[in-house]
Amino acid sequence: MNKRHAFSKALMSGALAVAMVGIWAAWPTGTVKAVGDPADGKYGLGLARGQTARLTVINSGEERGFILDWKFLDGEGNPLAQSDGTVEVSPGQMKSFDLDGNSLGALRDRFGRIQFRAKVAAWGQRRDLNRDFQILVEIFDNDTGKTTAAIYSSPESD
């Protein structure tokens, strides 16, 4: 009876595994969207000691380039870092700006994080801003370089 029970249990487990794989394989796929749009500056992320936030702005095709100002703001809207004047992003180029969590003296939460957001203001041809302007905000570990969070914005994908 014990062998029969073990065989029955193994058979049921195998059938359950096959059913789960079948459901997973048949599940419809969809586009993954980021939670928040870095262009509007309305999302918030936490930056801990030992981490860096990187804001990357990409010009994927505007021939005349884009002019932009960027800022990292704390939870109260105070600048943690910002551009020194305007920055030009030429066609096919990208620019990155870092905020090192170790260098910040801002108020931290009980977990040692600083809440922040990135804000970008850009100027260029309106149709090209809607098509060729992308923003990426990522947080990575200073020791390993491993990305722990990322938010990507492309008006074309909205």
N, C-alpha and C. Protein backbone atom coordinates (compact mmCIF):
# COMPACT_ATOMS: atom_id res chain seq x y z
N MET A 1 0.82 -1.18 0.00
CA MET A 1 0.00 0.00 0.00
C MET A 1 0.87 1.26 0.00
N ASN A 2 1.99 1.20 0.71
CA ASN A 2 2.88 2.33 0.80
C ASN A 2 3.50 2.67 -0.54
N LYS A 3 3.90 1.65 -1.31
CA LYS A 3 4.47 1.88 -2.64
C LYS A 3 3.43 2.44 -3.57
N ARG A 4 2.23 1.93 -3.48
CA ARG A 4 1.14 2.42 -4.32
C ARG A 4 0.84 3.90 -4.03
N HIS A 5 0.86 4.27 -2.76
CA HIS A 5 0.62 5.65 -2.35
C HIS A 5 1.74 6.56 -2.88
N ALA A 6 2.99 6.13 -2.77
CA ALA A 6 4.13 6.91 -3.25
C ALA A 6 4.05 7.08 -4.77
N PHE A 7 3.71 6.02 -5.49
CA PHE A 7 3.58 6.10 -6.95
C PHE A 7 2.46 7.07 -7.33
N SER A 8 1.33 6.97 -6.64
CA SER A 8 0.19 7.85 -6.91
C SER A 8 0.56 9.32 -6.65
N LYS A 9 1.28 9.54 -5.57
CA LYS A 9 1.70 10.90 -5.22
C LYS A 9 2.68 11.45 -6.28
N ALA A 10 3.60 10.63 -6.74
CA ALA A 10 4.57 11.05 -7.76
C ALA A 10 3.86 11.34 -9.08
N LEU A 11 2.88 10.51 -9.42
CA LEU A 11 2.12 10.70 -10.65
C LEU A 11 1.33 12.01 -10.61
N MET A 12 0.72 12.31 -9.48
CA MET A 12 -0.04 13.56 -9.32
C MET A 12 0.89 14.78 -9.40
N SER A 13 2.06 14.69 -8.78
CA SER A 13 3.03 15.79 -8.82
C SER A 13 3.50 16.05 -10.25
N GLY A 14 3.75 14.98 -10.98
CA GLY A 14 4.17 15.11 -12.38
C GLY A 14 3.09 15.73 -13.23
N ALA A 15 1.85 15.32 -13.03
CA ALA A 15 0.72 15.87 -13.79
C ALA A 15 0.55 17.35 -13.48
N LEU A 16 0.71 17.72 -12.21
CA LEU A 16 0.60 19.12 -11.82
C LEU A 16 1.70 19.95 -12.48
N ALA A 17 2.92 19.44 -12.51
CA ALA A 17 4.05 20.15 -13.14
C ALA A 17 3.81 20.34 -14.63
N VAL A 18 3.32 19.31 -15.30
CA VAL A 18 3.02 19.41 -16.73
C VAL A 18 1.93 20.45 -16.97
N ALA A 19 0.90 20.46 -16.14
CA ALA A 19 -0.19 21.43 -16.29
C ALA A 19 0.32 22.85 -16.08
N MET A 20 1.18 23.06 -15.09
CA MET A 20 1.71 24.40 -14.83
C MET A 20 2.57 24.89 -15.99
N VAL A 21 3.40 24.01 -16.54
CA VAL A 21 4.22 24.38 -17.70
C VAL A 21 3.33 24.72 -18.89
N GLY A 22 2.27 23.97 -19.08
CA GLY A 22 1.34 24.25 -20.18
C GLY A 22 0.65 25.59 -20.03
N ILE A 23 0.23 25.92 -18.81
CA ILE A 23 -0.41 27.22 -18.56
C ILE A 23 0.59 28.34 -18.80
N TRP A 24 1.81 28.17 -18.29
CA TRP A 24 2.83 29.20 -18.46
C TRP A 24 3.13 29.42 -19.94
N ALA A 25 3.24 28.35 -20.72
CA ALA A 25 3.57 28.45 -22.15
C ALA A 25 2.44 29.10 -22.94
N ALA A 26 1.19 28.89 -22.50
CA ALA A 26 0.05 29.44 -23.24
C ALA A 26 -0.32 30.85 -22.78
N TRP A 27 0.24 31.31 -21.66
CA TRP A 27 -0.11 32.63 -21.12
C TRP A 27 0.28 33.71 -22.13
N PRO A 28 -0.62 34.67 -22.40
CA PRO A 28 -0.29 35.70 -23.39
C PRO A 28 0.83 36.62 -22.90
N THR A 29 1.69 37.02 -23.84
CA THR A 29 2.77 37.93 -23.50
C THR A 29 2.32 39.35 -23.79
N GLY A 30 2.96 40.29 -23.17
CA GLY A 30 2.63 41.69 -23.38
C GLY A 30 3.87 42.54 -23.20
N THR A 31 3.74 43.81 -23.50
CA THR A 31 4.83 44.75 -23.34
C THR A 31 4.97 45.12 -21.88
N VAL A 32 6.20 45.11 -21.38
CA VAL A 32 6.46 45.51 -20.02
C VAL A 32 6.67 47.01 -20.01
N LYS A 33 5.94 47.71 -19.16
CA LYS A 33 6.10 49.15 -19.05
C LYS A 33 6.67 49.49 -17.69
N ALA A 34 7.48 50.52 -17.63
CA ALA A 34 8.06 50.95 -16.37
C ALA A 34 6.99 51.58 -15.49
N VAL A 35 7.21 51.52 -14.19
CA VAL A 35 6.30 52.17 -13.26
C VAL A 35 6.77 53.60 -13.11
N GLY A 36 6.16 54.50 -13.83
CA GLY A 36 6.55 55.89 -13.78
C GLY A 36 7.29 56.30 -15.04
N ASP A 37 7.27 57.57 -15.30
CA ASP A 37 7.91 58.14 -16.47
C ASP A 37 8.95 59.13 -15.98
N PRO A 38 10.25 58.87 -16.20
CA PRO A 38 11.26 59.77 -15.68
C PRO A 38 11.18 61.16 -16.27
N ALA A 39 10.54 61.32 -17.42
CA ALA A 39 10.45 62.64 -18.03
C ALA A 39 9.56 63.56 -17.23
N ASP A 40 8.54 63.01 -16.55
CA ASP A 40 7.64 63.89 -15.81
C ASP A 40 8.09 64.13 -14.38
N GLY A 41 9.09 63.37 -13.89
CA GLY A 41 9.64 63.60 -12.57
C GLY A 41 8.67 63.31 -11.44
N LYS A 42 7.62 62.53 -11.67
CA LYS A 42 6.60 62.30 -10.65
C LYS A 42 6.78 60.99 -9.90
N TYR A 43 7.74 60.17 -10.29
CA TYR A 43 7.99 58.92 -9.61
C TYR A 43 9.05 59.17 -8.53
N GLY A 44 9.28 58.21 -7.69
CA GLY A 44 10.34 58.33 -6.70
C GLY A 44 11.08 57.02 -6.55
N LEU A 45 12.36 57.12 -6.31
CA LEU A 45 13.20 55.95 -6.08
C LEU A 45 14.00 56.18 -4.81
N GLY A 46 14.49 55.11 -4.22
CA GLY A 46 15.34 55.22 -3.04
C GLY A 46 16.78 54.87 -3.39
N LEU A 47 17.71 55.70 -2.94
CA LEU A 47 19.13 55.51 -3.21
C LEU A 47 19.85 55.29 -1.88
N ALA A 48 20.47 54.13 -1.71
CA ALA A 48 21.16 53.78 -0.47
C ALA A 48 22.66 54.07 -0.59
N ARG A 49 23.32 54.04 0.56
CA ARG A 49 24.79 54.13 0.53
C ARG A 49 25.31 52.94 -0.27
N GLY A 50 26.35 53.15 -1.04
CA GLY A 50 26.91 52.07 -1.85
C GLY A 50 26.22 51.93 -3.19
N GLN A 51 25.29 52.84 -3.50
CA GLN A 51 24.60 52.80 -4.79
C GLN A 51 24.78 54.14 -5.51
N THR A 52 24.65 54.08 -6.83
CA THR A 52 24.68 55.28 -7.67
C THR A 52 23.45 55.29 -8.55
N ALA A 53 22.85 56.46 -8.70
CA ALA A 53 21.76 56.65 -9.65
C ALA A 53 22.37 57.24 -10.92
N ARG A 54 22.01 56.70 -12.06
CA ARG A 54 22.50 57.21 -13.33
C ARG A 54 21.33 57.61 -14.20
N LEU A 55 21.34 58.86 -14.64
CA LEU A 55 20.36 59.39 -15.58
C LEU A 55 21.02 59.41 -16.95
N THR A 56 20.43 58.72 -17.92
CA THR A 56 20.96 58.69 -19.28
C THR A 56 19.91 59.25 -20.22
N VAL A 57 20.32 60.19 -21.06
CA VAL A 57 19.44 60.81 -22.05
C VAL A 57 19.98 60.42 -23.43
N ILE A 58 19.08 59.93 -24.29
CA ILE A 58 19.49 59.39 -25.59
C ILE A 58 18.81 60.17 -26.71
N ASN A 59 19.60 60.57 -27.71
CA ASN A 59 19.07 61.17 -28.93
C ASN A 59 19.22 60.11 -30.02
N SER A 60 18.13 59.45 -30.34
CA SER A 60 18.23 58.35 -31.30
C SER A 60 18.06 58.79 -32.74
N GLY A 61 17.98 60.10 -32.99
CA GLY A 61 17.87 60.47 -34.39
C GLY A 61 17.69 61.93 -34.73
N GLU A 62 17.34 62.79 -33.78
CA GLU A 62 17.11 64.21 -34.10
C GLU A 62 18.39 64.81 -34.67
N GLU A 63 18.32 65.29 -35.89
CA GLU A 63 19.51 65.76 -36.63
C GLU A 63 20.14 67.01 -36.05
N ARG A 64 19.35 67.87 -35.45
CA ARG A 64 19.91 69.10 -34.89
C ARG A 64 20.31 68.95 -33.43
N GLY A 65 20.01 67.83 -32.84
CA GLY A 65 20.34 67.60 -31.44
C GLY A 65 19.28 68.15 -30.51
N PHE A 66 19.43 67.84 -29.26
CA PHE A 66 18.55 68.35 -28.21
C PHE A 66 19.38 69.14 -27.22
N ILE A 67 18.76 70.13 -26.65
CA ILE A 67 19.35 70.90 -25.56
C ILE A 67 18.55 70.52 -24.31
N LEU A 68 19.24 70.27 -23.20
CA LEU A 68 18.50 69.89 -22.00
C LEU A 68 19.14 70.41 -20.73
N ASP A 69 18.31 70.49 -19.72
CA ASP A 69 18.71 70.71 -18.33
C ASP A 69 18.27 69.48 -17.57
N TRP A 70 19.04 69.04 -16.60
CA TRP A 70 18.67 67.88 -15.79
C TRP A 70 18.88 68.19 -14.32
N LYS A 71 18.14 67.49 -13.48
CA LYS A 71 18.26 67.63 -12.03
C LYS A 71 17.94 66.30 -11.37
N PHE A 72 18.60 66.03 -10.26
CA PHE A 72 18.18 65.02 -9.31
C PHE A 72 17.61 65.79 -8.13
N LEU A 73 16.37 65.49 -7.75
CA LEU A 73 15.70 66.19 -6.65
C LEU A 73 15.42 65.22 -5.51
N ASP A 74 15.50 65.74 -4.27
CA ASP A 74 15.14 64.90 -3.13
C ASP A 74 13.62 64.88 -2.97
N GLY A 75 13.14 64.21 -1.96
CA GLY A 75 11.71 64.06 -1.74
C GLY A 75 10.98 65.38 -1.50
N GLU A 76 11.71 66.40 -1.09
CA GLU A 76 11.13 67.73 -0.85
C GLU A 76 11.23 68.64 -2.07
N GLY A 77 11.85 68.14 -3.14
CA GLY A 77 12.02 68.94 -4.35
C GLY A 77 13.30 69.76 -4.38
N ASN A 78 14.19 69.55 -3.40
CA ASN A 78 15.46 70.27 -3.36
C ASN A 78 16.48 69.57 -4.24
N PRO A 79 17.30 70.34 -4.97
CA PRO A 79 18.29 69.71 -5.86
C PRO A 79 19.38 68.96 -5.08
N LEU A 80 19.63 67.73 -5.50
CA LEU A 80 20.76 66.96 -4.99
C LEU A 80 21.95 67.12 -5.93
N ALA A 81 21.68 67.25 -7.23
CA ALA A 81 22.68 67.49 -8.27
C ALA A 81 21.93 68.03 -9.48
N GLN A 82 22.61 68.82 -10.29
CA GLN A 82 21.97 69.37 -11.50
C GLN A 82 23.01 69.78 -12.52
N SER A 83 22.51 70.01 -13.74
CA SER A 83 23.42 70.42 -14.81
C SER A 83 23.94 71.82 -14.53
N ASP A 84 25.14 72.07 -14.99
CA ASP A 84 25.75 73.39 -14.88
C ASP A 84 25.52 74.09 -16.21
N GLY A 85 24.33 74.67 -16.39
CA GLY A 85 23.95 75.23 -17.69
C GLY A 85 23.28 74.16 -18.52
N THR A 86 23.12 74.44 -19.80
CA THR A 86 22.46 73.47 -20.68
C THR A 86 23.46 72.47 -21.24
N VAL A 87 22.94 71.32 -21.63
CA VAL A 87 23.75 70.23 -22.19
C VAL A 87 23.20 69.91 -23.56
N GLU A 88 24.08 69.72 -24.55
CA GLU A 88 23.63 69.33 -25.89
C GLU A 88 23.84 67.83 -26.07
N VAL A 89 22.82 67.19 -26.64
CA VAL A 89 22.91 65.76 -26.97
C VAL A 89 22.80 65.67 -28.49
N SER A 90 23.92 65.40 -29.13
CA SER A 90 23.99 65.36 -30.60
C SER A 90 23.28 64.13 -31.16
N PRO A 91 23.01 64.12 -32.47
CA PRO A 91 22.33 62.99 -33.10
C PRO A 91 23.06 61.67 -32.85
N GLY A 92 22.30 60.65 -32.48
CA GLY A 92 22.86 59.33 -32.27
C GLY A 92 23.70 59.20 -31.01
N GLN A 93 23.72 60.22 -30.18
CA GLN A 93 24.55 60.21 -28.98
C GLN A 93 23.70 60.05 -27.72
N MET A 94 24.37 59.77 -26.61
CA MET A 94 23.71 59.76 -25.32
C MET A 94 24.64 60.37 -24.30
N LYS A 95 24.06 60.92 -23.25
CA LYS A 95 24.83 61.52 -22.15
C LYS A 95 24.31 60.92 -20.86
N SER A 96 25.23 60.66 -19.93
CA SER A 96 24.87 60.10 -18.64
C SER A 96 25.36 61.00 -17.52
N PHE A 97 24.57 61.05 -16.45
CA PHE A 97 24.87 61.88 -15.29
C PHE A 97 24.65 61.04 -14.04
N ASP A 98 25.63 61.02 -13.14
CA ASP A 98 25.58 60.14 -11.97
C ASP A 98 25.33 60.92 -10.69
N LEU A 99 24.66 60.23 -9.75
CA LEU A 99 24.43 60.73 -8.40
C LEU A 99 24.87 59.61 -7.46
N ASP A 100 26.02 59.80 -6.79
CA ASP A 100 26.58 58.78 -5.91
C ASP A 100 25.95 58.88 -4.53
N GLY A 101 25.31 57.81 -4.10
CA GLY A 101 24.64 57.80 -2.80
C GLY A 101 25.58 57.99 -1.63
N ASN A 102 26.85 57.65 -1.79
CA ASN A 102 27.82 57.81 -0.71
C ASN A 102 28.17 59.27 -0.46
N SER A 103 28.03 60.11 -1.47
CA SER A 103 28.47 61.50 -1.36
C SER A 103 27.36 62.45 -0.89
N LEU A 104 26.19 61.92 -0.63
CA LEU A 104 25.06 62.78 -0.29
C LEU A 104 24.91 62.97 1.21
N GLY A 105 24.69 64.21 1.60
CA GLY A 105 24.46 64.51 3.01
C GLY A 105 22.99 64.74 3.31
N ALA A 106 22.12 64.40 2.38
CA ALA A 106 20.69 64.62 2.55
C ALA A 106 20.11 63.69 3.60
N LEU A 107 18.94 64.03 4.10
CA LEU A 107 18.24 63.24 5.11
C LEU A 107 17.87 61.87 4.55
N ARG A 108 18.19 60.84 5.32
CA ARG A 108 17.91 59.46 4.91
C ARG A 108 16.74 58.91 5.70
N ASP A 109 16.04 57.94 5.11
CA ASP A 109 14.94 57.30 5.85
C ASP A 109 15.51 56.27 6.83
N ARG A 110 14.64 55.55 7.52
CA ARG A 110 15.10 54.62 8.55
C ARG A 110 15.91 53.45 7.98
N PHE A 111 15.85 53.24 6.66
CA PHE A 111 16.61 52.18 6.01
C PHE A 111 17.92 52.71 5.42
N GLY A 112 18.21 54.00 5.60
CA GLY A 112 19.43 54.59 5.09
C GLY A 112 19.33 55.06 3.65
N ARG A 113 18.12 55.15 3.12
CA ARG A 113 17.92 55.57 1.72
C ARG A 113 17.56 57.05 1.65
N ILE A 114 17.90 57.63 0.51
CA ILE A 114 17.47 58.97 0.18
C ILE A 114 16.46 58.85 -0.96
N GLN A 115 15.26 59.34 -0.74
CA GLN A 115 14.26 59.32 -1.80
C GLN A 115 14.62 60.42 -2.79
N PHE A 116 14.55 60.09 -4.09
CA PHE A 116 14.91 61.07 -5.11
C PHE A 116 14.09 60.82 -6.36
N ARG A 117 14.17 61.78 -7.25
CA ARG A 117 13.60 61.66 -8.60
C ARG A 117 14.48 62.46 -9.54
N ALA A 118 14.39 62.14 -10.82
CA ALA A 118 15.15 62.85 -11.85
C ALA A 118 14.17 63.70 -12.65
N LYS A 119 14.59 64.89 -13.03
CA LYS A 119 13.76 65.78 -13.83
C LYS A 119 14.60 66.26 -15.00
N VAL A 120 14.03 66.16 -16.21
CA VAL A 120 14.72 66.57 -17.43
C VAL A 120 13.82 67.53 -18.20
N ALA A 121 14.38 68.67 -18.59
CA ALA A 121 13.69 69.59 -19.49
C ALA A 121 14.49 69.61 -20.78
N ALA A 122 13.83 69.38 -21.93
CA ALA A 122 14.53 69.28 -23.21
C ALA A 122 13.89 70.20 -24.24
N TRP A 123 14.73 70.71 -25.14
CA TRP A 123 14.27 71.55 -26.23
C TRP A 123 14.78 70.99 -27.54
N GLY A 124 13.93 70.99 -28.52
CA GLY A 124 14.24 70.49 -29.85
C GLY A 124 12.96 70.55 -30.67
N GLN A 125 12.98 70.00 -31.87
CA GLN A 125 11.76 69.94 -32.67
C GLN A 125 10.73 69.07 -31.97
N ARG A 126 9.51 69.55 -31.79
CA ARG A 126 8.48 68.84 -31.04
C ARG A 126 8.26 67.41 -31.57
N ARG A 127 8.17 67.26 -32.89
CA ARG A 127 7.94 65.92 -33.44
C ARG A 127 9.12 65.00 -33.15
N ASP A 128 10.33 65.57 -33.13
CA ASP A 128 11.52 64.76 -32.88
C ASP A 128 11.65 64.41 -31.40
N LEU A 129 11.23 65.33 -30.50
CA LEU A 129 11.22 65.02 -29.07
C LEU A 129 10.29 63.84 -28.81
N ASN A 130 9.16 63.82 -29.50
CA ASN A 130 8.20 62.73 -29.31
C ASN A 130 8.71 61.41 -29.86
N ARG A 131 9.62 61.44 -30.81
CA ARG A 131 10.08 60.23 -31.47
C ARG A 131 11.49 59.81 -31.07
N ASP A 132 12.40 60.74 -30.91
CA ASP A 132 13.82 60.41 -30.81
C ASP A 132 14.46 60.69 -29.44
N PHE A 133 13.66 60.99 -28.44
CA PHE A 133 14.19 61.38 -27.14
C PHE A 133 13.83 60.31 -26.11
N GLN A 134 14.84 59.65 -25.54
CA GLN A 134 14.59 58.63 -24.53
C GLN A 134 15.37 58.95 -23.26
N ILE A 135 14.81 58.53 -22.13
CA ILE A 135 15.42 58.76 -20.83
C ILE A 135 15.45 57.45 -20.08
N LEU A 136 16.58 57.17 -19.44
CA LEU A 136 16.73 55.99 -18.59
C LEU A 136 17.27 56.44 -17.24
N VAL A 137 16.64 56.00 -16.17
CA VAL A 137 17.17 56.20 -14.82
C VAL A 137 17.41 54.80 -14.25
N GLU A 138 18.63 54.55 -13.82
CA GLU A 138 18.94 53.25 -13.24
C GLU A 138 19.69 53.46 -11.93
N ILE A 139 19.56 52.48 -11.05
CA ILE A 139 20.32 52.47 -9.81
C ILE A 139 21.21 51.24 -9.86
N PHE A 140 22.50 51.43 -9.60
CA PHE A 140 23.40 50.29 -9.60
C PHE A 140 24.28 50.29 -8.36
N ASP A 141 24.76 49.10 -8.02
CA ASP A 141 25.64 48.89 -6.88
C ASP A 141 27.05 49.34 -7.24
N ASN A 142 27.66 50.17 -6.38
CA ASN A 142 28.99 50.71 -6.66
C ASN A 142 30.07 49.63 -6.72
N ASP A 143 29.94 48.59 -5.92
CA ASP A 143 30.97 47.55 -5.87
C ASP A 143 30.88 46.57 -7.03
N THR A 144 29.66 46.16 -7.38
CA THR A 144 29.51 45.12 -8.41
C THR A 144 29.09 45.67 -9.77
N GLY A 145 28.52 46.87 -9.79
CA GLY A 145 28.01 47.43 -11.04
C GLY A 145 26.65 46.86 -11.42
N LYS A 146 26.10 45.98 -10.60
CA LYS A 146 24.82 45.34 -10.90
C LYS A 146 23.67 46.35 -10.76
N THR A 147 22.84 46.42 -11.80
CA THR A 147 21.68 47.30 -11.79
C THR A 147 20.60 46.68 -10.91
N THR A 148 20.07 47.49 -9.98
CA THR A 148 19.04 47.00 -9.08
C THR A 148 17.67 47.57 -9.40
N ALA A 149 17.61 48.67 -10.14
CA ALA A 149 16.33 49.26 -10.55
C ALA A 149 16.54 50.07 -11.81
N ALA A 150 15.52 50.14 -12.66
CA ALA A 150 15.61 50.94 -13.89
C ALA A 150 14.23 51.40 -14.29
N ILE A 151 14.15 52.64 -14.75
CA ILE A 151 12.92 53.20 -15.30
C ILE A 151 13.29 53.78 -16.66
N TYR A 152 12.57 53.39 -17.68
CA TYR A 152 12.85 53.82 -19.05
C TYR A 152 11.64 54.57 -19.59
N SER A 153 11.90 55.65 -20.32
CA SER A 153 10.83 56.42 -20.92
C SER A 153 11.13 56.68 -22.38
N SER A 154 10.17 56.39 -23.22
CA SER A 154 10.24 56.72 -24.62
C SER A 154 8.85 57.14 -25.05
N PRO A 155 8.64 58.39 -25.48
CA PRO A 155 7.30 58.81 -25.87
C PRO A 155 6.66 57.89 -26.89
N GLU A 156 7.48 57.27 -27.76
CA GLU A 156 6.96 56.37 -28.78
C GLU A 156 6.30 55.13 -28.17
N SER A 157 6.79 54.70 -26.99
CA SER A 157 6.27 53.49 -26.36
C SER A 157 5.04 53.76 -25.51
N ASP A 158 4.71 55.02 -25.27
CA ASP A 158 3.55 55.35 -24.43
C ASP A 158 2.23 55.05 -25.11
